[in-house]
Amino acid sequence: MLPTRTFLNPPPIDALLAELAAFRERIVGLLADDSADWSRRPAEAEWSLTEIACHLRDVEREVHQARFQALLADSSAFLPGVDADEWAIPRNYRAQDGRAAAAAFVAARAETIALLAPLPPDVWETQGQHTFFGPTSLHELVYLAVQHDRVHGQQIDALRA
């Protein structure tokens, strides 16, 4: 049985692009905060700002951009499901430079927006075949990326509180 598609009926494209850009600016703001503690974990099993930044960087490049580019290259592309949370330990996120990872995310997100912003409306409805969700449009994939940002934005807020 397939999981429920929580990204059906996504917001308008311009709203999604604006939210992608706003999250990028939010990370720019985090980089400007000299008081941020990049290594503090609220609990042993929870992520620090460094780990979140590494995760955001890798997901942006290896999941979001990869899926968007695959779908733009082939309108019937297979879009593999990925459990990117599992990357934290083998990639040793905890020992990486959080500020560098956040800066790399900011750059990658700018690339994503530059890729998506000029696309005509009909391209946004192009559908590939997602491992978990079945037929999935570019519009839905971008909404999924926005939802991912929201989850990690809440984690960042909790760490900075």
C-alpha atoms as a PDB file:
ATOM      1  CA  MET A   1       0.000   0.000   0.000  1.00  0.00           C
ATOM      2  CA  LEU A   2       1.331   3.450  -0.927  1.00  0.00           C
ATOM      3  CA  PRO A   3       1.638   6.156   1.734  1.00  0.00           C
ATOM      4  CA  THR A   4      -0.865   8.994   1.640  1.00  0.00           C
ATOM      5  CA  ARG A   5       0.159  11.739  -0.753  1.00  0.00           C
ATOM      6  CA  THR A   6       0.328  14.760   1.508  1.00  0.00           C
ATOM      7  CA  PHE A   7       1.359  17.084  -1.284  1.00  0.00           C
ATOM      8  CA  LEU A   8      -1.722  16.863  -3.504  1.00  0.00           C
ATOM      9  CA  ASN A   9      -3.172  20.209  -4.554  1.00  0.00           C
ATOM     10  CA  PRO A  10       0.035  22.158  -4.007  1.00  0.00           C
ATOM     11  CA  PRO A  11      -0.029  25.939  -3.628  1.00  0.00           C
ATOM     12  CA  PRO A  12       0.483  28.086  -6.728  1.00  0.00           C
ATOM     13  CA  ILE A  13       3.913  27.933  -8.346  1.00  0.00           C
ATOM     14  CA  ASP A  14       4.804  31.536  -7.499  1.00  0.00           C
ATOM     15  CA  ALA A  15       4.036  30.874  -3.816  1.00  0.00           C
ATOM     16  CA  LEU A  16       6.257  27.780  -3.819  1.00  0.00           C
ATOM     17  CA  LEU A  17       9.125  29.640  -5.483  1.00  0.00           C
ATOM     18  CA  ALA A  18       8.747  32.438  -2.942  1.00  0.00           C
ATOM     19  CA  GLU A  19       8.874  29.947  -0.075  1.00  0.00           C
ATOM     20  CA  LEU A  20      11.979  28.250  -1.509  1.00  0.00           C
ATOM     21  CA  ALA A  21      13.647  31.668  -1.701  1.00  0.00           C
ATOM     22  CA  ALA A  22      12.495  32.668   1.788  1.00  0.00           C
ATOM     23  CA  PHE A  23      13.991  29.520   3.319  1.00  0.00           C
ATOM     24  CA  ARG A  24      17.256  30.240   1.503  1.00  0.00           C
ATOM     25  CA  GLU A  25      17.276  33.725   3.033  1.00  0.00           C
ATOM     26  CA  ARG A  26      16.513  32.244   6.424  1.00  0.00           C
ATOM     27  CA  ILE A  27      19.676  30.139   6.181  1.00  0.00           C
ATOM     28  CA  VAL A  28      21.608  33.226   5.048  1.00  0.00           C
ATOM     29  CA  GLY A  29      20.383  34.864   8.269  1.00  0.00           C
ATOM     30  CA  LEU A  30      21.544  31.882  10.289  1.00  0.00           C
ATOM     31  CA  LEU A  31      24.998  32.220   8.742  1.00  0.00           C
ATOM     32  CA  ALA A  32      25.098  35.869   9.801  1.00  0.00           C
ATOM     33  CA  ASP A  33      24.326  34.981  13.428  1.00  0.00           C
ATOM     34  CA  ASP A  34      27.678  34.823  15.206  1.00  0.00           C
ATOM     35  CA  SER A  35      26.004  33.584  18.382  1.00  0.00           C
ATOM     36  CA  ALA A  36      24.649  30.382  16.792  1.00  0.00           C
ATOM     37  CA  ASP A  37      25.937  27.206  18.431  1.00  0.00           C
ATOM     38  CA  TRP A  38      26.416  24.872  15.481  1.00  0.00           C
ATOM     39  CA  SER A  39      27.338  21.781  17.504  1.00  0.00           C
ATOM     40  CA  ARG A  40      24.731  21.742  20.303  1.00  0.00           C
ATOM     41  CA  ARG A  41      22.261  18.893  20.200  1.00  0.00           C
ATOM     42  CA  PRO A  42      19.078  19.215  22.284  1.00  0.00           C
ATOM     43  CA  ALA A  43      19.287  15.454  22.935  1.00  0.00           C
ATOM     44  CA  GLU A  44      21.705  12.733  21.860  1.00  0.00           C
ATOM     45  CA  ALA A  45      19.365  11.398  19.180  1.00  0.00           C
ATOM     46  CA  GLU A  46      18.536  14.858  17.773  1.00  0.00           C
ATOM     47  CA  TRP A  47      20.509  16.880  15.251  1.00  0.00           C
ATOM     48  CA  SER A  48      22.620  19.989  15.753  1.00  0.00           C
ATOM     49  CA  LEU A  49      22.586  22.969  13.375  1.00  0.00           C
ATOM     50  CA  THR A  50      25.635  21.437  11.684  1.00  0.00           C
ATOM     51  CA  GLU A  51      23.855  18.164  11.055  1.00  0.00           C
ATOM     52  CA  ILE A  52      20.743  19.942   9.777  1.00  0.00           C
ATOM     53  CA  ALA A  53      22.861  22.099   7.441  1.00  0.00           C
ATOM     54  CA  CYS A  54      24.656  19.040   6.055  1.00  0.00           C
ATOM     55  CA  HIS A  55      21.345  17.290   5.540  1.00  0.00           C
ATOM     56  CA  LEU A  56      19.823  20.317   3.781  1.00  0.00           C
ATOM     57  CA  ARG A  57      22.870  20.643   1.505  1.00  0.00           C
ATOM     58  CA  ASP A  58      22.879  16.988   0.509  1.00  0.00           C
ATOM     59  CA  VAL A  59      19.121  16.694   0.035  1.00  0.00           C
ATOM     60  CA  GLU A  60      19.037  19.846  -2.088  1.00  0.00           C
ATOM     61  CA  ARG A  61      21.697  18.530  -4.456  1.00  0.00           C
ATOM     62  CA  GLU A  62      21.193  14.778  -4.385  1.00  0.00           C
ATOM     63  CA  VAL A  63      17.434  14.505  -3.978  1.00  0.00           C
ATOM     64  CA  HIS A  64      15.575  17.675  -4.957  1.00  0.00           C
ATOM     65  CA  GLN A  65      17.806  18.853  -7.806  1.00  0.00           C
ATOM     66  CA  ALA A  66      18.356  15.310  -9.045  1.00  0.00           C
ATOM     67  CA  ARG A  67      14.603  14.681  -9.240  1.00  0.00           C
ATOM     68  CA  PHE A  68      13.826  18.028 -10.861  1.00  0.00           C
ATOM     69  CA  GLN A  69      16.554  17.566 -13.471  1.00  0.00           C
ATOM     70  CA  ALA A  70      15.511  13.970 -14.176  1.00  0.00           C
ATOM     71  CA  LEU A  71      11.911  15.026 -14.735  1.00  0.00           C
ATOM     72  CA  LEU A  72      12.921  17.930 -16.965  1.00  0.00           C
ATOM     73  CA  ALA A  73      15.111  15.618 -19.048  1.00  0.00           C
ATOM     74  CA  ASP A  74      12.531  12.813 -19.285  1.00  0.00           C
ATOM     75  CA  SER A  75       8.831  13.411 -18.729  1.00  0.00           C
ATOM     76  CA  SER A  76       8.363   9.809 -17.623  1.00  0.00           C
ATOM     77  CA  ALA A  77      11.412   9.670 -15.366  1.00  0.00           C
ATOM     78  CA  PHE A  78      11.635   7.254 -12.470  1.00  0.00           C
ATOM     79  CA  LEU A  79      12.012   9.253  -9.239  1.00  0.00           C
ATOM     80  CA  PRO A  80      13.589   7.049  -6.578  1.00  0.00           C
ATOM     81  CA  GLY A  81      12.578   7.350  -2.964  1.00  0.00           C
ATOM     82  CA  VAL A  82      15.415   8.251  -0.622  1.00  0.00           C
ATOM     83  CA  ASP A  83      15.795   8.068   3.151  1.00  0.00           C
ATOM     84  CA  ALA A  84      18.314  10.878   3.484  1.00  0.00           C
ATOM     85  CA  ASP A  85      18.070  10.879   7.283  1.00  0.00           C
ATOM     86  CA  GLU A  86      20.239   7.777   7.215  1.00  0.00           C
ATOM     87  CA  TRP A  87      23.134   9.740   5.672  1.00  0.00           C
ATOM     88  CA  ALA A  88      24.005  11.560   8.903  1.00  0.00           C
ATOM     89  CA  ILE A  89      26.141   8.818  10.444  1.00  0.00           C
ATOM     90  CA  PRO A  90      27.991   7.359   7.422  1.00  0.00           C
ATOM     91  CA  ARG A  91      28.716  10.858   6.106  1.00  0.00           C
ATOM     92  CA  ASN A  92      29.736  11.978   9.588  1.00  0.00           C
ATOM     93  CA  TYR A  93      27.657  15.146   9.530  1.00  0.00           C
ATOM     94  CA  ARG A  94      28.435  15.834  13.166  1.00  0.00           C
ATOM     95  CA  ALA A  95      32.144  16.389  12.411  1.00  0.00           C
ATOM     96  CA  GLN A  96      31.632  18.619   9.374  1.00  0.00           C
ATOM     97  CA  ASP A  97      31.760  22.418   9.211  1.00  0.00           C
ATOM     98  CA  GLY A  98      28.161  23.544   9.680  1.00  0.00           C
ATOM     99  CA  ARG A  99      28.715  27.031   8.327  1.00  0.00           C
ATOM    100  CA  ALA A 100      30.316  25.640   5.163  1.00  0.00           C
ATOM    101  CA  ALA A 101      27.437  23.181   4.744  1.00  0.00           C
ATOM    102  CA  ALA A 102      24.883  25.966   5.200  1.00  0.00           C
ATOM    103  CA  ALA A 103      26.698  28.135   2.655  1.00  0.00           C
ATOM    104  CA  ALA A 104      26.720  25.221   0.204  1.00  0.00           C
ATOM    105  CA  PHE A 105      22.972  24.777   0.761  1.00  0.00           C
ATOM    106  CA  VAL A 106      22.406  28.483   0.075  1.00  0.00           C
ATOM    107  CA  ALA A 107      24.312  28.177  -3.215  1.00  0.00           C
ATOM    108  CA  ALA A 108      22.488  24.982  -4.194  1.00  0.00           C
ATOM    109  CA  ARG A 109      19.096  26.509  -3.406  1.00  0.00           C
ATOM    110  CA  ALA A 110      19.934  29.490  -5.641  1.00  0.00           C
ATOM    111  CA  GLU A 111      20.672  26.979  -8.436  1.00  0.00           C
ATOM    112  CA  THR A 112      17.349  25.246  -7.791  1.00  0.00           C
ATOM    113  CA  ILE A 113      15.412  28.496  -8.003  1.00  0.00           C
ATOM    114  CA  ALA A 114      17.273  29.494 -11.180  1.00  0.00           C
ATOM    115  CA  LEU A 115      16.344  26.120 -12.698  1.00  0.00           C
ATOM    116  CA  LEU A 116      12.667  26.301 -11.760  1.00  0.00           C
ATOM    117  CA  ALA A 117      11.728  29.977 -12.027  1.00  0.00           C
ATOM    118  CA  PRO A 118      11.766  30.324 -15.834  1.00  0.00           C
ATOM    119  CA  LEU A 119       9.782  27.142 -16.529  1.00  0.00           C
ATOM    120  CA  PRO A 120       6.471  27.571 -18.347  1.00  0.00           C
ATOM    121  CA  PRO A 121       3.311  26.471 -16.487  1.00  0.00           C
ATOM    122  CA  ASP A 122       2.758  23.316 -18.559  1.00  0.00           C
ATOM    123  CA  VAL A 123       6.162  21.906 -17.560  1.00  0.00           C
ATOM    124  CA  TRP A 124       5.173  22.060 -13.890  1.00  0.00           C
ATOM    125  CA  GLU A 125       2.506  19.407 -14.518  1.00  0.00           C
ATOM    126  CA  THR A 126       4.970  16.948 -16.079  1.00  0.00           C
ATOM    127  CA  GLN A 127       4.785  13.680 -14.154  1.00  0.00           C
ATOM    128  CA  GLY A 128       7.408  11.124 -13.344  1.00  0.00           C
ATOM    129  CA  GLN A 129       6.995   7.881 -11.449  1.00  0.00           C
ATOM    130  CA  HIS A 130       7.956   8.213  -7.775  1.00  0.00           C
ATOM    131  CA  THR A 131       8.910   5.067  -5.849  1.00  0.00           C
ATOM    132  CA  PHE A 132       6.508   5.754  -2.982  1.00  0.00           C
ATOM    133  CA  PHE A 133       3.899   8.138  -4.408  1.00  0.00           C
ATOM    134  CA  GLY A 134       3.406   6.853  -7.953  1.00  0.00           C
ATOM    135  CA  PRO A 135       2.738   9.474 -10.640  1.00  0.00           C
ATOM    136  CA  THR A 136       4.105  12.737  -9.270  1.00  0.00           C
ATOM    137  CA  SER A 137       4.339  16.118 -11.004  1.00  0.00           C
ATOM    138  CA  LEU A 138       7.152  18.634 -10.815  1.00  0.00           C
ATOM    139  CA  HIS A 139       4.678  20.929  -9.055  1.00  0.00           C
ATOM    140  CA  GLU A 140       4.133  18.280  -6.372  1.00  0.00           C
ATOM    141  CA  LEU A 141       7.866  17.586  -6.049  1.00  0.00           C
ATOM    142  CA  VAL A 142       8.571  21.255  -5.397  1.00  0.00           C
ATOM    143  CA  TYR A 143       5.809  21.304  -2.788  1.00  0.00           C
ATOM    144  CA  LEU A 144       7.430  18.268  -1.187  1.00  0.00           C
ATOM    145  CA  ALA A 145      10.726  20.225  -1.043  1.00  0.00           C
ATOM    146  CA  VAL A 146       8.917  23.145   0.623  1.00  0.00           C
ATOM    147  CA  GLN A 147       7.402  20.798   3.189  1.00  0.00           C
ATOM    148  CA  HIS A 148      10.892  19.424   3.863  1.00  0.00           C
ATOM    149  CA  ASP A 149      12.116  22.985   4.472  1.00  0.00           C
ATOM    150  CA  ARG A 150       9.268  23.586   6.906  1.00  0.00           C
ATOM    151  CA  VAL A 151      10.159  20.538   9.004  1.00  0.00           C
ATOM    152  CA  HIS A 152      13.810  21.521   9.270  1.00  0.00           C
ATOM    153  CA  GLY A 153      12.879  25.157   9.825  1.00  0.00           C
ATOM    154  CA  GLN A 154      11.017  24.045  12.947  1.00  0.00           C
ATOM    155  CA  GLN A 155      14.110  22.129  14.102  1.00  0.00           C
ATOM    156  CA  ILE A 156      16.254  25.208  13.548  1.00  0.00           C
ATOM    157  CA  ASP A 157      13.803  27.381  15.482  1.00  0.00           C
ATOM    158  CA  ALA A 158      13.839  24.947  18.399  1.00  0.00           C
ATOM    159  CA  LEU A 159      17.640  24.922  18.481  1.00  0.00           C
ATOM    160  CA  ARG A 160      17.833  28.704  18.423  1.00  0.00           C
ATOM    161  CA  ALA A 161      15.139  29.234  21.079  1.00  0.00           C
END
